[in-house]
Amino acid sequence: MDENCVFCKIITGDIPSYTVYEDDVVKAFLDISQVTPGHTLVVPKKHVPDLFAYDSQLAADVFSRIPKITTAIKASNPDIKAMNVVNNNGELAYQSVFHSHFHLIPRYTKDDGFSMTFTDNTDKYSSEELQKIQKQITDRLGD
């Protein structure tokens, strides 16, 4: 645990939360911002700053709980039509609390207050450029 981390303080109960799920690996609680009703955060109980700090076992343990929690959120309100699962990994990616966490954001309509934009850069990359990027990544995967 990190004594200066707000999520570690939530995990230990030093800061109250609206917990929706908890076991020995994760704690899931309502985000106080409630981007949409039911907006939930899933955090590993082990303090890790971001996805780059995960090992394969922690990733398996954390990710394996997300379907159960998303299913419960969706079942909690018949108006929920979909779910965004979002991880902001690093400051440039809008991570504001440096204890890894996943946002489960219920979606009700296109006008429910949440949006994401993906720029289409299809015309900016040739097949050769995509192959170069592909190779740069696959060469670093290791075993």
Protein backbone atom coordinates (compact mmCIF):
# COMPACT_ATOMS: atom_id res chain seq x y z
CA MET A 1 0.00 0.00 0.00
CA ASP A 2 1.01 3.58 -0.63
CA GLU A 3 0.06 5.79 2.31
CA ASN A 4 -0.29 8.82 0.01
CA CYS A 5 -2.57 7.09 -2.51
CA VAL A 6 -6.28 7.92 -2.39
CA PHE A 7 -7.25 4.50 -3.77
CA CYS A 8 -5.07 2.70 -1.20
CA LYS A 9 -6.89 4.72 1.48
CA ILE A 10 -10.23 3.63 -0.01
CA ILE A 11 -9.06 0.00 -0.05
CA THR A 12 -8.06 0.15 3.63
CA GLY A 13 -11.29 1.94 4.58
CA ASP A 14 -9.56 5.16 5.64
CA ILE A 15 -11.68 6.95 3.04
CA PRO A 16 -15.30 5.81 2.71
CA SER A 17 -16.58 4.51 -0.61
CA TYR A 18 -19.68 3.02 -2.16
CA THR A 19 -18.33 -0.49 -2.71
CA VAL A 20 -20.17 -2.67 -5.20
CA TYR A 21 -17.74 -5.63 -5.22
CA GLU A 22 -14.72 -6.70 -3.22
CA ASP A 23 -12.56 -9.78 -2.88
CA ASP A 24 -8.93 -10.49 -2.08
CA VAL A 25 -7.70 -9.08 -5.43
CA VAL A 26 -9.88 -6.07 -6.34
CA LYS A 27 -12.22 -3.50 -4.94
CA ALA A 28 -14.92 -1.99 -7.15
CA PHE A 29 -16.67 1.16 -6.02
CA LEU A 30 -18.75 3.96 -7.48
CA ASP A 31 -16.77 6.82 -8.98
CA ILE A 32 -17.85 9.95 -7.13
CA SER A 33 -18.06 11.83 -10.46
CA GLN A 34 -20.73 9.44 -11.83
CA VAL A 35 -20.15 10.35 -15.49
CA THR A 36 -23.26 8.25 -16.01
CA PRO A 37 -25.29 6.52 -13.26
CA GLY A 38 -23.47 3.37 -12.18
CA HIS A 39 -19.98 4.59 -13.19
CA THR A 40 -17.72 2.22 -11.25
CA LEU A 41 -13.97 1.97 -10.69
CA VAL A 42 -12.22 -1.39 -10.43
CA VAL A 43 -8.85 -1.19 -8.66
CA PRO A 44 -6.38 -3.90 -7.76
CA LYS A 45 -5.78 -4.08 -4.02
CA LYS A 46 -2.06 -4.26 -4.75
CA HIS A 47 -0.71 -0.75 -5.35
CA VAL A 48 0.49 -0.60 -8.94
CA PRO A 49 0.73 2.77 -10.66
CA ASP A 50 -0.34 1.68 -14.15
CA LEU A 51 -0.64 -1.22 -16.58
CA PHE A 52 3.10 -1.13 -17.25
CA ALA A 53 3.61 -2.36 -13.67
CA TYR A 54 1.35 -5.43 -14.02
CA ASP A 55 2.69 -8.92 -14.31
CA SER A 56 0.68 -11.54 -16.18
CA GLN A 57 -0.81 -13.01 -12.99
CA LEU A 58 -2.08 -9.67 -11.68
CA ALA A 59 -3.51 -8.87 -15.11
CA ALA A 60 -5.33 -12.21 -15.23
CA ASP A 61 -6.63 -11.78 -11.69
CA VAL A 62 -7.90 -8.22 -12.22
CA PHE A 63 -9.30 -8.63 -15.72
CA SER A 64 -11.10 -11.88 -14.86
CA ARG A 65 -13.33 -9.98 -12.43
CA ILE A 66 -14.45 -7.28 -14.84
CA PRO A 67 -17.14 -9.32 -16.71
CA LYS A 68 -18.87 -10.22 -13.42
CA ILE A 69 -18.93 -6.58 -12.31
CA THR A 70 -20.04 -5.20 -15.70
CA THR A 71 -22.80 -7.80 -15.89
CA ALA A 72 -24.07 -6.79 -12.44
CA ILE A 73 -24.00 -3.10 -13.35
CA LYS A 74 -25.93 -3.74 -16.58
CA ALA A 75 -28.48 -5.90 -14.72
CA SER A 76 -28.98 -3.13 -12.14
CA ASN A 77 -30.77 -0.83 -14.56
CA PRO A 78 -32.82 -1.85 -17.61
CA ASP A 79 -31.95 1.46 -19.29
CA ILE A 80 -28.26 0.50 -19.60
CA LYS A 81 -27.67 -0.43 -23.23
CA ALA A 82 -23.85 -0.77 -23.33
CA MET A 83 -20.69 -0.29 -21.30
CA ASN A 84 -17.40 1.48 -21.88
CA VAL A 85 -14.44 -0.13 -20.11
CA VAL A 86 -11.73 2.52 -19.98
CA ASN A 87 -8.19 2.56 -18.65
CA ASN A 88 -6.26 5.81 -18.69
CA ASN A 89 -2.68 4.60 -18.49
CA GLY A 90 -0.24 7.44 -17.77
CA GLU A 91 -0.60 11.17 -17.36
CA LEU A 92 -0.68 11.84 -21.11
CA ALA A 93 -3.57 9.35 -21.37
CA TYR A 94 -5.54 11.34 -18.74
CA GLN A 95 -4.68 9.15 -15.74
CA SER A 96 -5.19 11.37 -12.68
CA VAL A 97 -4.83 8.84 -9.83
CA PHE A 98 -1.64 6.83 -10.13
CA HIS A 99 -3.04 3.59 -8.78
CA SER A 100 -4.12 1.51 -11.76
CA HIS A 101 -7.89 1.45 -12.25
CA PHE A 102 -10.55 0.71 -14.78
CA HIS A 103 -13.64 2.82 -15.39
CA LEU A 104 -16.83 0.88 -16.07
CA ILE A 105 -19.12 3.48 -17.60
CA PRO A 106 -22.71 2.43 -18.31
CA ARG A 107 -24.13 3.81 -21.54
CA TYR A 108 -27.77 4.79 -21.77
CA THR A 109 -28.00 6.88 -24.94
CA LYS A 110 -25.67 8.74 -27.30
CA ASP A 111 -26.54 11.86 -25.32
CA ASP A 112 -25.80 10.52 -21.81
CA GLY A 113 -22.86 12.83 -21.15
CA PHE A 114 -19.95 10.55 -22.12
CA SER A 115 -18.09 10.54 -25.41
CA MET A 116 -14.83 9.37 -26.92
CA THR A 117 -13.26 10.47 -30.18
CA PHE A 118 -11.01 8.31 -32.34
CA THR A 119 -9.36 10.14 -35.23
CA ASP A 120 -9.29 8.17 -38.47
CA ASN A 121 -5.73 8.37 -39.80
CA THR A 122 -6.17 5.61 -42.40
CA ASP A 123 -4.95 7.82 -45.24
CA LYS A 124 -1.79 8.85 -43.35
CA TYR A 125 -0.12 5.40 -43.21
CA SER A 126 1.13 3.28 -46.07
CA SER A 127 1.32 -0.49 -45.82
CA GLU A 128 5.10 -0.16 -45.38
CA GLU A 129 4.70 2.25 -42.46
CA LEU A 130 2.20 -0.04 -40.77
CA GLN A 131 4.55 -3.00 -41.26
CA LYS A 132 7.39 -1.00 -39.68
CA ILE A 133 5.25 -0.16 -36.62
CA GLN A 134 4.11 -3.79 -36.45
CA LYS A 135 7.72 -5.01 -36.45
CA GLN A 136 8.79 -2.48 -33.80
CA ILE A 137 6.11 -3.89 -31.49
CA THR A 138 6.43 -7.59 -32.26
CA ASP A 139 10.23 -7.46 -31.89
CA ARG A 140 9.75 -6.36 -28.29
CA LEU A 141 7.12 -8.89 -27.19
CA GLY A 142 9.65 -11.47 -26.08
CA ASP A 143 8.43 -14.78 -24.70
